[in-house]
N, C-alpha and C. Protein backbone atom coordinates (compact mmCIF):
# COMPACT_ATOMS: atom_id res chain seq x y z
N MET A 1 266.24 148.57 92.32
CA MET A 1 265.92 149.81 92.86
C MET A 1 267.00 150.35 94.07
N ASP A 2 267.24 151.27 93.98
CA ASP A 2 267.74 151.55 95.41
C ASP A 2 267.15 151.39 96.86
N TYR A 3 267.65 151.16 97.75
CA TYR A 3 266.89 151.04 99.07
C TYR A 3 266.26 152.07 99.52
N SER A 4 267.20 153.08 99.41
CA SER A 4 266.49 154.61 100.23
C SER A 4 265.16 155.17 99.36
N THR A 5 265.11 154.50 98.06
CA THR A 5 263.94 154.96 96.91
C THR A 5 263.08 153.92 97.46
N THR A 6 262.97 152.76 97.91
CA THR A 6 262.05 152.10 98.10
C THR A 6 261.09 152.39 99.84
N TRP A 7 262.10 152.84 100.90
CA TRP A 7 261.89 153.78 101.50
C TRP A 7 261.34 154.80 101.43
N TRP A 8 261.50 155.75 100.91
CA TRP A 8 260.95 156.62 100.70
C TRP A 8 259.02 156.90 100.04
N LEU A 9 259.19 155.89 98.86
CA LEU A 9 257.90 155.48 98.37
C LEU A 9 256.74 154.90 99.24
N VAL A 10 257.64 153.94 100.14
CA VAL A 10 256.80 153.43 101.46
C VAL A 10 256.21 154.46 102.04
N ALA A 11 257.02 155.51 102.71
CA ALA A 11 256.65 156.53 103.59
C ALA A 11 255.58 157.49 102.71
N GLY A 12 255.71 157.84 101.48
CA GLY A 12 254.84 158.68 100.61
C GLY A 12 253.34 157.84 100.88
N ALA A 13 253.31 156.28 100.73
CA ALA A 13 252.08 155.85 100.71
C ALA A 13 251.38 155.60 101.68
N LEU A 14 252.59 155.75 102.87
CA LEU A 14 251.88 155.47 104.08
C LEU A 14 251.14 157.00 104.54
N VAL A 15 251.73 158.04 104.51
CA VAL A 15 251.35 159.46 104.45
C VAL A 15 250.22 159.67 103.63
N ILE A 16 249.51 159.00 102.40
CA ILE A 16 248.73 159.14 101.57
C ILE A 16 247.46 158.55 102.21
N ALA A 17 247.83 156.98 102.63
CA ALA A 17 247.29 156.58 103.66
C ALA A 17 246.27 157.32 104.60
N GLU A 18 247.03 157.91 105.55
CA GLU A 18 246.71 158.57 106.70
C GLU A 18 245.97 159.75 105.99
N LEU A 19 246.26 160.47 105.29
CA LEU A 19 245.59 161.43 104.71
C LEU A 19 244.02 161.10 104.48
N LEU A 20 243.66 159.77 103.96
CA LEU A 20 242.81 159.48 103.74
C LEU A 20 241.82 159.04 104.66
N THR A 21 242.34 158.24 105.71
CA THR A 21 242.14 157.77 106.60
C THR A 21 241.62 158.45 107.86
N GLY A 22 242.46 159.28 108.13
CA GLY A 22 242.98 159.97 109.33
C GLY A 22 243.47 159.41 110.41
N SER A 23 244.22 158.27 110.37
CA SER A 23 244.69 157.47 111.16
C SER A 23 246.26 158.32 112.08
N PHE A 24 246.38 158.58 113.16
CA PHE A 24 248.01 159.58 113.06
C PHE A 24 248.56 158.37 113.48
N TYR A 25 248.43 156.91 113.53
CA TYR A 25 249.24 155.90 113.92
C TYR A 25 249.92 155.17 112.30
N LEU A 26 249.71 155.71 111.26
CA LEU A 26 249.76 156.04 110.00
C LEU A 26 251.12 156.77 109.52
N LEU A 27 250.96 157.83 110.11
CA LEU A 27 252.15 158.91 110.21
C LEU A 27 253.33 158.72 111.06
N MET A 28 253.09 157.86 111.93
CA MET A 28 253.93 157.52 112.87
C MET A 28 254.89 156.44 111.92
N LEU A 29 254.52 155.70 111.29
CA LEU A 29 254.92 155.04 110.55
C LEU A 29 255.95 155.51 109.30
N ALA A 30 254.90 156.21 108.90
CA ALA A 30 255.59 157.06 107.25
C ALA A 30 256.60 157.81 108.36
N MET A 31 256.84 158.11 109.80
CA MET A 31 258.17 158.48 109.86
C MET A 31 259.20 157.39 110.10
N ALA A 32 258.91 156.51 110.71
CA ALA A 32 260.01 155.43 110.35
C ALA A 32 260.11 155.19 109.25
N CYS A 33 259.56 155.22 108.46
CA CYS A 33 260.05 154.96 106.89
C CYS A 33 260.75 155.76 106.24
N ALA A 34 260.71 156.84 107.40
CA ALA A 34 261.58 158.19 106.43
C ALA A 34 263.26 158.31 107.51
N VAL A 35 262.83 157.59 108.35
CA VAL A 35 264.17 156.71 109.16
C VAL A 35 264.96 155.96 108.56
N GLY A 36 264.41 154.94 107.97
CA GLY A 36 264.85 153.84 107.23
C GLY A 36 265.45 154.62 106.11
N ALA A 37 265.01 155.24 104.99
CA ALA A 37 265.53 156.22 104.22
C ALA A 37 266.84 156.76 104.23
N LEU A 38 266.56 157.43 105.32
CA LEU A 38 268.18 158.17 105.50
C LEU A 38 269.04 157.00 106.25
N CYS A 39 268.64 155.94 107.04
CA CYS A 39 269.61 154.96 107.34
C CYS A 39 270.51 154.62 106.06
N ALA A 40 269.39 154.19 104.91
CA ALA A 40 270.05 154.00 103.72
C ALA A 40 270.84 155.17 102.98
N HIS A 41 270.22 156.46 103.14
CA HIS A 41 271.56 157.44 102.49
C HIS A 41 272.63 157.54 103.46
N ALA A 42 272.60 156.87 104.75
CA ALA A 42 274.00 156.94 105.54
C ALA A 42 274.95 155.71 105.38
N GLY A 43 273.87 154.63 104.31
CA GLY A 43 275.14 153.67 104.23
C GLY A 43 275.03 152.66 105.32
N LEU A 44 273.95 152.14 105.77
CA LEU A 44 273.92 151.21 106.73
C LEU A 44 273.36 150.03 105.92
N SER A 45 273.59 148.97 106.46
CA SER A 45 273.20 147.50 105.95
C SER A 45 271.82 147.58 105.91
N PRO A 46 271.10 146.86 104.99
CA PRO A 46 269.53 146.76 105.04
C PRO A 46 269.16 146.14 106.50
N MET A 47 269.51 145.51 106.84
CA MET A 47 269.30 144.88 108.06
C MET A 47 269.47 145.57 109.05
N ALA A 48 270.49 146.71 109.55
CA ALA A 48 270.37 147.56 110.04
C ALA A 48 269.53 148.98 110.24
N GLN A 49 268.82 149.12 108.45
CA GLN A 49 267.90 150.14 108.31
C GLN A 49 266.52 149.46 109.03
N VAL A 50 266.24 147.97 108.67
CA VAL A 50 264.89 147.64 109.00
C VAL A 50 265.01 147.49 110.66
N LEU A 51 265.85 147.28 111.09
CA LEU A 51 265.93 147.28 112.54
C LEU A 51 265.24 148.89 113.00
N THR A 52 266.21 149.59 112.57
CA THR A 52 266.46 150.94 113.21
C THR A 52 264.28 151.23 112.73
N ALA A 53 264.14 151.05 111.65
CA ALA A 53 262.92 151.90 111.05
C ALA A 53 261.60 150.93 112.07
N SER A 54 262.03 149.30 112.17
CA SER A 54 260.92 149.24 112.94
C SER A 54 261.03 149.51 114.70
N ILE A 55 262.17 149.67 115.42
CA ILE A 55 261.90 150.31 116.26
C ILE A 55 261.66 151.38 116.75
N LEU A 56 261.52 152.48 115.70
CA LEU A 56 261.31 153.40 115.84
C LEU A 56 259.62 153.25 115.48
N GLY A 57 259.23 152.94 115.03
CA GLY A 57 257.76 152.77 114.59
C GLY A 57 256.86 152.26 115.94
N VAL A 58 257.58 150.88 115.99
CA VAL A 58 257.04 150.50 117.10
C VAL A 58 256.84 151.38 118.79
N THR A 59 257.43 152.00 118.79
CA THR A 59 258.26 152.94 120.03
C THR A 59 257.13 154.20 119.84
N ALA A 60 257.17 155.10 118.49
CA ALA A 60 256.15 155.94 118.14
C ALA A 60 254.92 155.79 118.37
N VAL A 61 254.69 154.36 117.38
CA VAL A 61 252.96 153.96 117.61
C VAL A 61 252.45 153.61 118.86
N LEU A 62 253.35 152.95 120.01
CA LEU A 62 252.89 152.47 121.27
C LEU A 62 252.86 154.36 122.30
N ALA A 63 253.56 155.18 121.81
CA ALA A 63 253.71 156.52 122.73
C ALA A 63 252.52 157.14 122.34
N CYS A 64 251.98 156.85 120.94
CA CYS A 64 250.98 157.60 120.83
C CYS A 64 249.62 157.04 121.09
N TYR A 65 249.47 156.01 121.48
CA TYR A 65 248.41 154.86 121.54
C TYR A 65 248.73 155.34 123.40
N LEU A 66 249.75 155.51 124.10
CA LEU A 66 249.54 155.30 125.48
C LEU A 66 249.00 156.72 125.68
N VAL A 67 249.43 158.03 124.85
CA VAL A 67 249.34 159.64 125.17
C VAL A 67 247.78 159.33 125.09
N ARG A 68 247.16 159.08 124.17
CA ARG A 68 245.90 158.93 123.94
C ARG A 68 244.92 158.45 124.86
N LYS A 69 245.43 157.06 125.19
CA LYS A 69 244.57 156.38 126.51
C LYS A 69 244.61 157.70 127.75
N ARG A 70 245.57 157.95 127.83
CA ARG A 70 245.81 158.72 129.39
C ARG A 70 244.88 159.57 129.07
N ARG A 71 245.20 160.69 128.01
CA ARG A 71 244.37 161.69 127.76
C ARG A 71 242.68 161.49 128.00
N ALA A 72 242.42 160.50 127.19
CA ALA A 72 240.83 160.07 127.44
C ALA A 72 240.59 159.88 128.69
N ALA A 73 241.51 159.20 129.45
CA ALA A 73 240.92 158.74 131.12
C ALA A 73 241.20 160.36 131.83
N LEU A 74 241.72 161.04 131.74
CA LEU A 74 241.74 162.30 132.53
C LEU A 74 240.95 163.21 132.20
N HIS A 75 240.23 163.29 131.10
CA HIS A 75 239.04 164.29 130.45
C HIS A 75 237.89 163.59 130.95
N GLY A 76 237.77 162.29 130.96
CA GLY A 76 236.68 161.98 131.30
C GLY A 76 235.54 162.31 129.95
N LEU A 77 235.51 161.36 128.94
CA LEU A 77 235.03 161.84 127.86
C LEU A 77 233.68 162.05 127.75
N SER A 78 232.74 161.73 128.63
CA SER A 78 231.44 161.29 128.47
C SER A 78 230.80 162.78 129.18
N SER A 79 231.55 163.53 130.41
CA SER A 79 231.60 164.73 130.66
C SER A 79 232.19 166.02 130.28
N ASN A 80 232.77 165.42 128.99
CA ASN A 80 233.66 166.89 128.50
C ASN A 80 232.80 167.69 127.52
N ARG A 81 232.39 168.81 127.93
CA ARG A 81 231.73 169.75 127.44
C ARG A 81 232.06 169.98 125.71
N GLU A 82 233.15 170.04 125.57
CA GLU A 82 233.89 170.03 124.16
C GLU A 82 233.73 168.93 123.28
N LEU A 83 233.51 167.65 123.82
CA LEU A 83 233.22 166.76 123.04
C LEU A 83 231.48 166.21 122.57
N ASN A 84 231.26 166.75 123.74
CA ASN A 84 229.76 166.22 123.90
C ASN A 84 228.86 166.86 124.25
N LEU A 85 228.11 167.55 123.24
CA LEU A 85 227.58 168.86 123.29
C LEU A 85 226.19 169.08 124.38
N ASP A 86 225.84 167.66 124.49
CA ASP A 86 224.54 167.55 125.77
C ASP A 86 224.84 167.81 126.85
N VAL A 87 226.11 167.79 127.40
CA VAL A 87 226.35 168.07 128.46
C VAL A 87 226.34 169.46 128.83
N GLY A 88 225.70 170.21 130.13
CA GLY A 88 225.13 171.31 130.40
C GLY A 88 223.54 172.12 129.49
N GLU A 89 223.16 170.63 128.80
CA GLU A 89 221.79 171.27 128.78
C GLU A 89 220.80 170.81 129.28
N SER A 90 219.61 171.72 129.39
CA SER A 90 218.61 171.54 130.22
C SER A 90 217.71 170.76 129.67
N VAL A 91 216.88 169.97 130.32
CA VAL A 91 215.63 168.98 130.38
C VAL A 91 214.96 169.08 131.25
N MET A 92 213.54 168.78 131.23
CA MET A 92 212.54 168.80 132.01
C MET A 92 211.81 167.52 132.60
N VAL A 93 212.02 167.31 133.62
CA VAL A 93 212.03 165.97 133.91
C VAL A 93 210.30 166.17 135.09
N GLU A 94 209.31 165.36 134.58
CA GLU A 94 207.92 165.68 134.84
C GLU A 94 207.74 164.60 136.06
N GLN A 95 208.06 163.14 135.88
CA GLN A 95 207.95 162.44 137.17
C GLN A 95 209.11 161.50 137.12
N TRP A 96 209.42 160.96 138.05
CA TRP A 96 210.40 159.75 138.35
C TRP A 96 209.70 158.32 138.46
N SER A 97 210.47 157.77 137.89
CA SER A 97 209.77 156.32 138.19
C SER A 97 210.12 155.77 139.54
N SER A 98 210.12 154.19 140.29
CA SER A 98 210.08 153.61 141.27
C SER A 98 211.67 153.54 141.32
N ASP A 99 212.28 153.15 140.36
CA ASP A 99 213.82 152.80 139.96
C ASP A 99 215.13 153.63 139.56
N GLY A 100 214.34 154.70 139.85
CA GLY A 100 215.31 156.09 140.21
C GLY A 100 215.76 156.78 138.95
N THR A 101 214.77 156.30 137.37
CA THR A 101 214.81 156.60 136.45
C THR A 101 213.45 157.52 135.68
N ALA A 102 213.77 158.76 134.62
CA ALA A 102 212.61 158.95 134.35
C ALA A 102 212.95 158.94 133.05
N GLN A 103 211.58 159.30 132.44
CA GLN A 103 211.57 159.43 130.85
C GLN A 103 211.57 160.68 130.07
N VAL A 104 212.36 161.74 129.13
CA VAL A 104 212.24 162.79 129.12
C VAL A 104 212.09 162.80 127.80
N ARG A 105 211.64 164.06 127.21
CA ARG A 105 211.89 164.00 125.39
C ARG A 105 212.74 165.42 125.55
N TYR A 106 213.98 165.26 124.28
CA TYR A 106 214.97 165.70 124.67
C TYR A 106 215.76 165.62 123.13
N ARG A 107 215.71 166.50 122.09
CA ARG A 107 216.23 166.71 120.98
C ARG A 107 215.40 165.68 120.06
N GLY A 108 213.96 165.75 120.30
CA GLY A 108 213.07 165.11 119.41
C GLY A 108 213.32 163.52 119.57
N ALA A 109 213.72 163.08 120.95
CA ALA A 109 213.32 161.54 121.00
C ALA A 109 213.50 161.27 122.47
N GLN A 110 212.88 160.32 122.73
CA GLN A 110 212.72 159.94 124.50
C GLN A 110 214.03 159.56 124.78
N TRP A 111 214.77 160.16 125.84
CA TRP A 111 215.70 159.74 126.63
C TRP A 111 214.93 158.92 127.97
N THR A 112 216.12 158.14 128.67
CA THR A 112 215.93 157.51 129.89
C THR A 112 217.37 158.56 130.74
N VAL A 113 216.61 159.16 131.84
CA VAL A 113 217.37 160.20 132.55
C VAL A 113 217.71 159.56 134.14
N ILE A 114 218.92 159.74 134.68
CA ILE A 114 219.09 159.13 135.67
C ILE A 114 219.92 160.14 136.52
N GLY A 115 219.21 160.30 137.70
CA GLY A 115 220.15 161.28 138.68
C GLY A 115 221.32 161.16 139.44
N ARG A 116 221.86 161.94 139.57
CA ARG A 116 223.29 161.97 140.28
C ARG A 116 222.77 161.01 141.78
N PRO A 117 224.01 160.09 141.89
CA PRO A 117 223.54 159.31 143.35
C PRO A 117 224.20 160.11 144.20
N GLY A 118 222.98 159.90 145.62
CA GLY A 118 222.97 160.89 146.31
C GLY A 118 221.94 162.04 146.72
N ASN A 119 221.65 162.38 145.34
CA ASN A 119 220.63 163.26 145.36
C ASN A 119 218.82 162.95 145.29
N LEU A 120 218.15 163.56 146.08
CA LEU A 120 216.68 162.85 145.88
C LEU A 120 215.88 163.19 144.49
N PRO A 121 215.47 162.38 143.56
CA PRO A 121 215.02 162.40 142.71
C PRO A 121 213.53 163.45 142.81
N SER A 122 213.55 164.56 142.49
CA SER A 122 212.31 165.70 142.28
C SER A 122 212.24 165.99 140.91
N ALA A 123 210.99 166.43 140.64
CA ALA A 123 210.85 167.01 139.21
C ALA A 123 210.67 168.18 139.14
N GLY A 124 211.42 169.01 138.15
CA GLY A 124 211.38 170.28 137.57
C GLY A 124 212.75 170.07 136.54
N MET A 125 213.39 171.16 136.45
CA MET A 125 214.38 171.25 135.39
C MET A 125 215.53 170.70 135.94
N HIS A 126 216.26 169.84 134.92
CA HIS A 126 217.40 169.70 135.67
C HIS A 126 218.61 169.59 134.34
N ARG A 127 219.83 169.64 134.95
CA ARG A 127 220.78 170.09 133.74
C ARG A 127 221.61 168.26 133.47
N VAL A 128 222.10 168.43 132.33
CA VAL A 128 222.86 167.19 132.04
C VAL A 128 224.23 167.61 132.08
N ALA A 129 224.81 166.73 133.22
CA ALA A 129 226.16 166.39 134.00
C ALA A 129 227.06 165.21 132.75
N GLU A 130 226.13 164.61 132.45
CA GLU A 130 227.22 163.80 132.03
C GLU A 130 226.12 162.51 130.98
N VAL A 131 226.86 161.42 129.96
CA VAL A 131 226.30 161.22 129.15
C VAL A 131 226.65 159.57 129.24
N VAL A 132 225.87 158.53 129.86
CA VAL A 132 226.37 157.41 130.56
C VAL A 132 225.60 156.53 129.57
N GLY A 133 226.69 155.74 128.66
CA GLY A 133 225.91 154.72 127.25
C GLY A 133 224.61 155.80 126.53
N ASN A 134 223.92 154.90 126.78
CA ASN A 134 222.30 156.17 126.14
C ASN A 134 221.30 156.46 127.27
N ARG A 135 222.17 156.87 128.33
CA ARG A 135 221.41 157.38 129.40
C ARG A 135 221.92 159.02 129.61
N LEU A 136 221.13 159.98 130.16
CA LEU A 136 221.72 161.05 130.55
C LEU A 136 221.50 161.33 132.38
N LEU A 137 222.70 161.32 132.83
CA LEU A 137 223.06 161.84 134.38
C LEU A 137 222.81 163.27 134.18
N VAL A 138 221.61 163.53 135.16
CA VAL A 138 221.16 164.55 135.88
C VAL A 138 221.66 165.53 136.68
N ASP A 139 221.45 166.71 136.74
CA ASP A 139 221.45 167.79 138.57
C ASP A 139 220.32 168.75 138.41
N LYS A 140 219.71 168.50 139.29
CA LYS A 140 218.77 169.56 139.51
C LYS A 140 219.16 171.05 139.64
N ILE A 141 218.07 171.65 138.85
CA ILE A 141 218.98 173.11 138.77
C ILE A 141 217.89 173.75 140.04
């Protein structure tokens, strides 16, 4: 079998695996295999094909990883309304504990709420500002 055929088959298998798993990184590796196939069509040696494909694959995967990590840090996932539907919802706090927490009934379950630092705990309606682990960070309305 020709080198280019092998590259194209591996690229196709990676695309299928990406469609089944949803991992964008596999798509970057498939792109690197397609570049390896193009190098084979251009007549480069097998070592040059592997080096080109591996350098491109590692670079593309690393770039995707860094972009996703940076984007997650910029947006603050726990307070992003588009990703966390609890942000912006209202809860009724009836009584605060001495440790600065309260128990509320929200979405059919018991939740622990904490007030934003610097705000005095007071009973009444509060708005969820952020989800911190399994606690709701709230602001007084």
